[in-house]
Amino acid sequence: MYRQLFFWIFGFMTLAAPGQQETFQVGWMPAEVAETSGLIYYNGRLLTHNDSGNDPLIYELDTTSLEVVRRVRVRNAVNTDWEDLAQDDRYIYIGDIGNNAGNRLELGIYRIAKADYDRADEVDAELIAFTYEDQPAVLPGANSDWDAEALLAVGDQLLIFTKQWQSNGTKAYAIPNTPATHRAQLVGSYDAKGLITAAVYNHNSEIVYLLGYNQILRPFLLRLSSFRAGDPFSGEVSRLILDNGLAQAEGITAVGPNRYFFSSERFVNQNPPITLEAALYAFQTEDPAVEVPPDGGDPPGGEPPTGGEGPPAEGGPQPDLLIFSPSQSRVLEYELNREEPVYGRAIYDVQGRTVMYTKAADFEGTRIDLSGLQSAVYYLTFYLQGKTVSKPFFHR
């Protein structure tokens, strides 16, 4: 872990910069998961775990209160260095792939059947063991290029992305998702210019996001488009700096076609004295097509609509939707820059539940009273003729 931090950097690095991704802090992680590492969204809850040396437990968090509402113990597993979570339709995968000390020649991924996980608070896992095909017989030691913290489940394969302390890049390796001992095949590499700590594959958009941080704990994303498991970096790779300041970013998950959570671990540095508490953040992308709006004014069901416009390029057109939420205010103000007829306005929570809906005929200006809502991330959505416009906001 990088310990050479300078406190003056914090203010400088929180200024706006090109290629920056807007984020919203949802809240602080519970002290019980201050060493949060992996993150997935399953059954309407966030699943996470602590990293090396902790109990072999998966914690379920409520997405609004962030309270721990369930703990599931993996009876036949050891948390040597759990670093990431992944999932497919049938299984949850725990990546015991960390190697900070640089002395692990054999690594593993625990596979848990979702049917078992749903039934009981204690489960057994199957082990998918592996070694890297190009790994040296004797590892170079701590903080080497043979650490890993990011895991993906894609089709019948698992992809591991390394965390290269020395070269600040990442290598991608593929293994089958079946219990056995495998030789991980190198399928790509990339100059990440930082440490890769988590990965998510969004099945709705077929986009992969790699999460990481640089030498001064500035979190960033690598966006992989035209993604292919056999050659993950063959498509366009773009880099986005997250605007949440400094954080040891550790886990990322998708909660919809273009909505994501990411978590940070508690970080403590002695000289200079810096403490960053574990936190949960949210952000929205523009990857998928927008949802077709309803013909009338009745509130739609299911997932909240996605899409909307991001910030305009310098000198470019105004965004479709601007949101103004003064600090400590219970009122949300907005500006909708569209000419199409508006059918309705809704607010959704991150689980896709409608918490407020108003027909266009009942609009009263451009202010919305939020006094009945809890502190959380929400999505303000407008249904127009032929278009849906949506944008997230954080209500304190």
Protein backbone atom coordinates (compact mmCIF):
# COMPACT_ATOMS: atom_id res chain seq x y z
CA MET A 1 0.00 0.00 0.00
CA TYR A 2 1.30 3.48 -0.78
CA ARG A 3 2.06 5.39 2.40
CA GLN A 4 3.86 8.47 1.00
CA LEU A 5 0.97 10.90 0.95
CA PHE A 6 1.06 14.68 1.14
CA PHE A 7 -1.95 16.33 2.75
CA TRP A 8 -1.86 19.33 0.38
CA ILE A 9 -2.65 17.04 -2.51
CA PHE A 10 -6.15 16.37 -1.17
CA GLY A 11 -7.47 19.83 -1.95
CA PHE A 12 -5.69 20.04 -5.29
CA MET A 13 -6.83 16.67 -6.53
CA THR A 14 -10.50 17.29 -5.76
CA LEU A 15 -10.65 20.04 -8.37
CA ALA A 16 -12.45 19.29 -11.62
CA ALA A 17 -10.34 17.69 -14.32
CA PRO A 18 -10.86 16.37 -17.86
CA GLY A 19 -12.18 12.81 -17.99
CA GLN A 20 -13.69 13.09 -14.53
CA GLN A 21 -16.59 10.92 -13.37
CA GLU A 22 -19.12 12.51 -11.02
CA THR A 23 -19.76 10.47 -7.88
CA PHE A 24 -22.08 10.66 -4.88
CA GLN A 25 -21.20 9.49 -1.39
CA VAL A 26 -24.01 7.23 -0.18
CA GLY A 27 -22.61 6.97 3.35
CA TRP A 28 -20.00 5.42 5.60
CA MET A 29 -19.48 1.67 5.67
CA PRO A 30 -20.18 -0.08 8.98
CA ALA A 31 -17.15 -0.52 11.23
CA GLU A 32 -17.66 -4.29 10.93
CA VAL A 33 -16.61 -4.10 7.27
CA ALA A 34 -14.02 -1.32 7.50
CA GLU A 35 -11.68 -3.55 5.47
CA THR A 36 -14.27 -4.04 2.73
CA SER A 37 -12.75 -5.42 -0.45
CA GLY A 38 -15.17 -7.20 -2.81
CA LEU A 39 -18.63 -5.93 -3.71
CA ILE A 40 -21.62 -7.32 -5.61
CA TYR A 41 -25.33 -6.46 -5.77
CA TYR A 42 -27.57 -9.47 -5.23
CA ASN A 43 -31.24 -9.85 -4.20
CA GLY A 44 -31.56 -6.11 -3.62
CA ARG A 45 -28.63 -5.94 -1.21
CA LEU A 46 -24.92 -5.22 -1.33
CA LEU A 47 -22.65 -8.14 -0.51
CA THR A 48 -19.12 -7.51 0.71
CA HIS A 49 -16.32 -9.07 2.76
CA ASN A 50 -13.18 -8.02 4.59
CA ASP A 51 -9.74 -8.79 3.25
CA SER A 52 -6.78 -10.82 4.53
CA GLY A 53 -6.81 -12.49 7.91
CA ASN A 54 -10.46 -11.83 8.71
CA ASP A 55 -13.30 -14.31 9.21
CA PRO A 56 -14.64 -16.14 6.11
CA LEU A 57 -17.87 -14.12 6.14
CA ILE A 58 -19.99 -12.45 3.50
CA TYR A 59 -21.89 -9.44 4.83
CA GLU A 60 -25.18 -8.20 3.38
CA LEU A 61 -25.82 -4.46 3.60
CA ASP A 62 -29.04 -2.55 3.19
CA THR A 63 -28.53 -0.14 0.29
CA THR A 64 -30.17 2.78 2.09
CA SER A 65 -29.11 2.51 5.73
CA LEU A 66 -25.86 0.59 4.97
CA GLU A 67 -26.52 -1.51 8.06
CA VAL A 68 -25.35 -5.13 8.13
CA VAL A 69 -28.57 -7.14 7.84
CA ARG A 70 -27.13 -10.63 7.33
CA ARG A 71 -23.87 -12.57 7.72
CA VAL A 72 -23.10 -15.77 5.83
CA ARG A 73 -20.18 -17.93 6.92
CA VAL A 74 -18.29 -20.07 4.41
CA ARG A 75 -17.57 -23.10 6.59
CA ASN A 76 -14.84 -24.79 4.58
CA ALA A 77 -12.97 -21.66 3.49
CA VAL A 78 -10.09 -19.63 4.90
CA ASN A 79 -9.77 -15.91 4.30
CA THR A 80 -6.11 -15.93 3.37
CA ASP A 81 -6.51 -12.78 1.30
CA TRP A 82 -10.03 -12.35 -0.05
CA GLU A 83 -10.01 -9.47 -2.52
CA ASP A 84 -13.06 -9.49 -4.81
CA LEU A 85 -16.51 -10.91 -5.47
CA ALA A 86 -18.12 -11.89 -8.77
CA GLN A 87 -21.33 -13.64 -9.74
CA ASP A 88 -23.24 -15.29 -12.55
CA ASP A 89 -26.75 -16.74 -12.68
CA ARG A 90 -25.92 -19.73 -10.47
CA TYR A 91 -22.87 -18.90 -8.36
CA ILE A 92 -21.12 -16.35 -6.18
CA TYR A 93 -17.34 -16.35 -6.54
CA ILE A 94 -14.90 -15.17 -3.84
CA GLY A 95 -11.45 -14.33 -5.11
CA ASP A 96 -8.83 -15.47 -2.58
CA ILE A 97 -6.26 -14.00 -4.93
CA GLY A 98 -4.44 -11.33 -2.92
CA ASN A 99 -0.67 -11.60 -2.59
CA ASN A 100 0.62 -8.48 -0.87
CA ALA A 101 3.39 -10.42 0.82
CA GLY A 102 4.49 -11.84 -2.52
CA ASN A 103 4.84 -15.42 -1.29
CA ARG A 104 1.74 -17.21 -2.64
CA LEU A 105 2.39 -19.63 -5.47
CA GLU A 106 -1.09 -21.19 -5.32
CA LEU A 107 -4.24 -19.12 -5.28
CA GLY A 108 -7.92 -19.91 -5.30
CA ILE A 109 -11.47 -18.82 -5.97
CA TYR A 110 -14.33 -20.12 -3.82
CA ARG A 111 -17.54 -20.95 -5.68
CA ILE A 112 -20.82 -20.88 -3.72
CA ALA A 113 -24.13 -22.01 -5.21
CA LYS A 114 -26.69 -19.24 -4.93
CA ALA A 115 -29.32 -21.83 -4.04
CA ASP A 116 -27.27 -22.76 -0.95
CA TYR A 117 -26.52 -19.16 -0.11
CA ASP A 118 -30.21 -18.23 -0.19
CA ARG A 119 -31.18 -21.08 2.14
CA ALA A 120 -28.77 -20.79 5.07
CA ASP A 121 -26.37 -18.54 6.94
CA GLU A 122 -23.64 -21.19 6.77
CA VAL A 123 -22.58 -22.65 3.42
CA ASP A 124 -19.87 -24.78 1.89
CA ALA A 125 -17.87 -23.72 -1.15
CA GLU A 126 -16.07 -25.48 -3.97
CA LEU A 127 -12.46 -24.50 -4.63
CA ILE A 128 -11.19 -23.39 -8.03
CA ALA A 129 -7.40 -23.42 -7.60
CA PHE A 130 -4.94 -21.92 -10.06
CA THR A 131 -1.40 -20.79 -10.78
CA TYR A 132 -0.34 -18.26 -13.39
CA GLU A 133 1.21 -19.74 -16.53
CA ASP A 134 4.12 -17.25 -16.52
CA GLN A 135 4.61 -17.00 -12.78
CA PRO A 136 8.26 -17.36 -11.62
CA ALA A 137 9.21 -20.31 -9.43
CA VAL A 138 10.35 -17.91 -6.71
CA LEU A 139 8.31 -14.75 -6.26
CA PRO A 140 10.15 -11.43 -5.82
CA GLY A 141 8.52 -10.56 -2.49
CA ALA A 142 6.10 -8.00 -1.11
CA ASN A 143 4.60 -5.28 -3.29
CA SER A 144 5.59 -7.07 -6.47
CA ASP A 145 3.71 -7.42 -9.74
CA TRP A 146 2.21 -10.76 -8.60
CA ASP A 147 -0.62 -9.42 -6.49
CA ALA A 148 -4.25 -9.47 -7.69
CA GLU A 149 -7.51 -7.97 -6.45
CA ALA A 150 -9.98 -7.92 -9.37
CA LEU A 151 -12.24 -10.77 -10.52
CA LEU A 152 -14.86 -11.17 -13.26
CA ALA A 153 -17.26 -13.98 -14.16
CA VAL A 154 -17.97 -13.94 -17.90
CA GLY A 155 -19.67 -16.89 -19.59
CA ASP A 156 -17.92 -20.07 -18.49
CA GLN A 157 -14.71 -18.27 -17.57
CA LEU A 158 -13.26 -16.32 -14.68
CA LEU A 159 -10.90 -13.43 -15.35
CA ILE A 160 -8.30 -12.26 -12.83
CA PHE A 161 -6.72 -8.81 -13.21
CA THR A 162 -3.40 -8.36 -11.42
CA LYS A 163 -2.38 -5.42 -9.26
CA GLN A 164 1.16 -4.60 -10.36
CA TRP A 165 2.86 -2.60 -7.63
CA GLN A 166 6.10 -2.05 -9.53
CA SER A 167 4.98 -1.45 -13.11
CA ASN A 168 1.57 0.13 -12.26
CA GLY A 169 -0.07 -1.99 -14.93
CA THR A 170 -2.35 -5.01 -14.97
CA LYS A 171 -2.38 -8.42 -16.62
CA ALA A 172 -5.57 -10.37 -17.33
CA TYR A 173 -5.66 -14.13 -16.87
CA ALA A 174 -8.46 -16.57 -17.70
CA ILE A 175 -9.45 -19.87 -16.09
CA PRO A 176 -12.55 -22.08 -16.36
CA ASN A 177 -15.19 -21.50 -13.68
CA THR A 178 -15.19 -25.17 -12.66
CA PRO A 179 -13.71 -26.65 -9.45
CA ALA A 180 -10.27 -28.08 -10.26
CA THR A 181 -6.68 -26.93 -10.37
CA HIS A 182 -6.08 -24.74 -13.42
CA ARG A 183 -3.23 -22.98 -15.14
CA ALA A 184 -4.33 -19.38 -15.66
CA GLN A 185 -3.78 -18.28 -19.25
CA LEU A 186 -2.53 -14.77 -19.96
CA VAL A 187 -5.07 -13.04 -22.23
CA GLY A 188 -3.99 -9.40 -22.14
CA SER A 189 -2.14 -6.61 -20.39
CA TYR A 190 -2.55 -2.87 -20.04
CA ASP A 191 -0.62 0.10 -18.67
CA ALA A 192 -3.17 1.11 -16.03
CA LYS A 193 -1.01 3.85 -14.50
CA GLY A 194 -2.21 2.74 -11.10
CA LEU A 195 -3.29 -0.23 -9.00
CA ILE A 196 -6.32 -2.23 -10.19
CA THR A 197 -8.42 -3.38 -7.22
CA ALA A 198 -11.84 -4.49 -8.56
CA ALA A 199 -13.80 -5.27 -11.71
CA VAL A 200 -17.42 -5.46 -12.84
CA TYR A 201 -19.01 -6.72 -16.05
CA ASN A 202 -22.39 -5.14 -16.76
CA HIS A 203 -24.49 -7.67 -18.70
CA ASN A 204 -26.94 -4.96 -19.73
CA SER A 205 -24.36 -2.84 -21.53
CA GLU A 206 -21.57 -5.42 -22.03
CA ILE A 207 -19.15 -2.86 -20.63
CA VAL A 208 -16.41 -3.70 -18.13
CA TYR A 209 -15.21 -1.21 -15.54
CA LEU A 210 -11.93 -1.75 -13.71
CA LEU A 211 -11.58 0.20 -10.47
CA GLY A 212 -8.27 1.33 -9.05
CA TYR A 213 -6.27 4.10 -7.42
CA ASN A 214 -2.96 5.78 -8.17
CA GLN A 215 0.09 6.48 -5.99
CA ILE A 216 -1.69 9.24 -4.07
CA LEU A 217 -4.93 7.27 -3.55
CA ARG A 218 -6.85 9.04 -6.31
CA PRO A 219 -9.51 6.55 -7.51
CA PHE A 220 -10.04 5.98 -11.23
CA LEU A 221 -11.94 3.76 -13.66
CA LEU A 222 -10.84 1.98 -16.81
CA ARG A 223 -13.80 1.54 -19.15
CA LEU A 224 -13.44 -1.43 -21.52
CA SER A 225 -15.82 -1.37 -24.47
CA SER A 226 -16.30 -4.04 -27.18
CA PHE A 227 -15.26 -6.40 -24.42
CA ARG A 228 -14.06 -9.92 -25.26
CA ALA A 229 -12.99 -12.31 -22.51
CA GLY A 230 -10.26 -13.74 -24.74
CA ASP A 231 -8.75 -10.31 -25.36
CA PRO A 232 -10.18 -7.86 -22.81
CA PHE A 233 -8.15 -4.80 -23.85
CA SER A 234 -8.70 -5.15 -27.61
CA GLY A 235 -11.56 -2.63 -27.68
CA GLU A 236 -11.49 1.01 -26.66
CA VAL A 237 -10.07 1.62 -23.19
CA SER A 238 -10.86 4.99 -21.61
CA ARG A 239 -9.74 6.35 -18.27
CA LEU A 240 -12.02 8.29 -15.89
CA ILE A 241 -10.88 9.99 -12.70
CA LEU A 242 -13.45 9.68 -9.90
CA ASP A 243 -14.24 13.02 -8.27
CA ASN A 244 -14.71 11.81 -4.68
CA GLY A 245 -11.25 12.92 -3.52
CA LEU A 246 -8.78 10.46 -1.99
CA ALA A 247 -9.86 6.92 -1.15
CA GLN A 248 -8.52 3.40 -1.15
CA ALA A 249 -11.12 2.20 -3.66
CA GLU A 250 -11.63 -1.56 -3.32
CA GLY A 251 -14.95 -2.89 -4.68
CA ILE A 252 -17.35 -2.11 -7.52
CA THR A 253 -20.72 -3.48 -8.64
CA ALA A 254 -23.49 -2.65 -11.09
CA VAL A 255 -27.04 -2.08 -9.80
CA GLY A 256 -28.62 -1.40 -13.18
CA PRO A 257 -27.78 -0.75 -16.83
CA ASN A 258 -25.84 2.40 -15.98
CA ARG A 259 -25.79 2.67 -12.19
CA TYR A 260 -22.89 1.56 -10.02
CA PHE A 261 -21.70 1.43 -6.42
CA PHE A 262 -18.07 1.37 -5.35
CA SER A 263 -16.59 1.01 -1.87
CA SER A 264 -13.41 2.20 -0.19
CA GLU A 265 -11.46 0.62 2.64
CA ARG A 266 -10.44 2.45 5.82
CA PHE A 267 -7.00 3.94 5.31
CA VAL A 268 -4.67 5.18 8.06
CA ASN A 269 -1.30 6.87 7.52
CA GLN A 270 1.01 7.96 10.33
CA ASN A 271 3.29 10.48 8.63
CA PRO A 272 1.63 12.71 7.63
CA PRO A 273 -1.37 11.77 9.81
CA ILE A 274 -4.24 10.91 7.46
CA THR A 275 -7.32 8.81 8.16
CA LEU A 276 -9.85 8.01 5.43
CA GLU A 277 -12.90 6.13 6.67
CA ALA A 278 -14.46 3.29 4.68
CA ALA A 279 -17.26 4.64 2.51
CA LEU A 280 -19.76 3.73 -0.19
CA TYR A 281 -20.16 5.83 -3.34
CA ALA A 282 -22.48 5.78 -6.36
CA PHE A 283 -22.16 7.00 -9.92
CA GLN A 284 -24.13 6.87 -13.16
CA THR A 285 -22.88 6.26 -16.69
CA GLU A 286 -24.48 6.74 -20.11
CA ASP A 287 -23.67 3.33 -21.60
CA PRO A 288 -27.13 1.86 -22.40
CA ALA A 289 -29.92 3.14 -24.63
CA VAL A 290 -32.65 5.04 -22.85
CA GLU A 291 -35.93 3.35 -22.05
CA VAL A 292 -38.97 4.09 -24.22
CA PRO A 293 -41.37 6.19 -22.11
CA PRO A 294 -45.01 5.25 -21.53
CA ASP A 295 -47.76 6.74 -23.71
CA GLY A 296 -49.73 8.10 -20.80
CA GLY A 297 -49.19 9.48 -17.34
CA ASP A 298 -49.28 6.34 -15.24
CA PRO A 299 -46.05 5.53 -13.36
CA PRO A 300 -44.04 2.70 -14.97
CA GLY A 301 -43.01 -0.37 -13.05
CA GLY A 302 -39.76 -2.25 -12.76
CA GLU A 303 -36.30 -0.74 -13.09
CA PRO A 304 -35.92 3.03 -12.97
CA PRO A 305 -35.20 4.45 -16.41
CA THR A 306 -31.63 5.16 -17.30
CA GLY A 307 -29.70 7.29 -19.68
CA GLY A 308 -30.02 11.03 -19.56
CA GLU A 309 -27.30 13.47 -20.44
CA GLY A 310 -23.98 14.01 -18.74
CA PRO A 311 -22.16 17.33 -18.42
CA PRO A 312 -21.68 19.13 -21.72
CA ALA A 313 -18.33 19.50 -23.39
CA GLU A 314 -16.76 22.92 -22.95
CA GLY A 315 -18.64 25.33 -25.20
CA GLY A 316 -21.14 22.60 -26.13
CA PRO A 317 -24.91 22.36 -25.66
CA GLN A 318 -26.58 22.43 -22.26
CA PRO A 319 -27.42 19.08 -20.64
CA ASP A 320 -30.98 17.79 -20.77
CA LEU A 321 -31.37 17.97 -17.00
CA LEU A 322 -29.71 20.14 -14.38
CA ILE A 323 -30.24 19.45 -10.67
CA PHE A 324 -29.67 21.93 -7.84
CA SER A 325 -29.71 20.60 -4.30
CA PRO A 326 -28.42 23.17 -1.80
CA SER A 327 -26.59 21.74 1.21
CA GLN A 328 -28.93 20.82 4.08
CA SER A 329 -31.95 21.77 1.96
CA ARG A 330 -35.09 19.64 1.88
CA VAL A 331 -35.99 20.98 -1.57
CA LEU A 332 -34.65 19.81 -4.93
CA GLU A 333 -34.60 22.31 -7.80
CA TYR A 334 -34.15 21.34 -11.43
CA GLU A 335 -33.97 22.71 -14.96
CA LEU A 336 -35.24 20.53 -17.81
CA ASN A 337 -33.87 21.61 -21.19
CA ARG A 338 -36.11 19.68 -23.58
CA GLU A 339 -38.77 20.75 -26.06
CA GLU A 340 -40.77 17.49 -26.18
CA PRO A 341 -44.03 17.19 -24.23
CA VAL A 342 -43.55 15.91 -20.67
CA TYR A 343 -45.85 13.14 -19.43
CA GLY A 344 -44.64 12.65 -15.89
CA ARG A 345 -41.89 12.97 -13.30
CA ALA A 346 -40.62 10.29 -10.92
CA ILE A 347 -38.05 9.68 -8.22
CA TYR A 348 -36.61 6.17 -7.81
CA ASP A 349 -34.33 4.66 -5.21
CA VAL A 350 -31.28 2.60 -6.18
CA GLN A 351 -33.28 -0.64 -6.06
CA GLY A 352 -35.68 0.58 -8.76
CA ARG A 353 -38.58 1.32 -6.44
CA THR A 354 -40.79 4.31 -7.19
CA VAL A 355 -40.76 6.63 -4.19
CA MET A 356 -42.51 9.57 -5.85
CA TYR A 357 -44.48 10.08 -9.07
CA THR A 358 -46.24 13.19 -10.39
CA LYS A 359 -48.23 13.61 -13.59
CA ALA A 360 -47.29 16.58 -15.73
CA ALA A 361 -50.64 18.23 -15.09
CA ASP A 362 -49.83 18.31 -11.36
CA PHE A 363 -46.38 19.92 -11.62
CA GLU A 364 -45.99 23.03 -9.48
CA GLY A 365 -42.93 24.85 -10.75
CA THR A 366 -39.45 23.30 -10.76
CA ARG A 367 -39.08 22.56 -7.05
CA ILE A 368 -39.64 19.18 -5.37
CA ASP A 369 -40.17 18.75 -1.63
CA LEU A 370 -37.92 15.93 -0.38
CA SER A 371 -38.78 16.20 3.30
CA GLY A 372 -40.31 12.72 3.35
CA LEU A 373 -37.22 10.95 1.97
CA GLN A 374 -34.36 9.34 3.87
CA SER A 375 -30.74 10.23 3.17
CA ALA A 376 -29.71 8.18 0.13
CA VAL A 377 -28.97 8.26 -3.58
CA TYR A 378 -32.05 8.68 -5.80
CA TYR A 379 -32.80 9.17 -9.50
CA LEU A 380 -34.89 12.05 -10.81
CA THR A 381 -36.59 10.95 -14.02
CA PHE A 382 -38.74 12.69 -16.63
CA TYR A 383 -40.92 10.90 -19.19
CA LEU A 384 -41.02 12.81 -22.47
CA GLN A 385 -42.41 12.01 -25.88
CA GLY A 386 -39.93 9.51 -27.33
CA LYS A 387 -37.32 9.95 -24.59
CA THR A 388 -36.58 9.36 -20.93
CA VAL A 389 -34.20 11.68 -19.08
CA SER A 390 -32.74 10.59 -15.73
CA LYS A 391 -30.05 11.85 -13.40
CA PRO A 392 -28.89 10.77 -9.92
CA PHE A 393 -28.71 12.98 -6.87
CA PHE A 394 -27.74 12.51 -3.24
CA HIS A 395 -30.28 13.61 -0.65
CA ARG A 396 -28.82 14.28 2.81
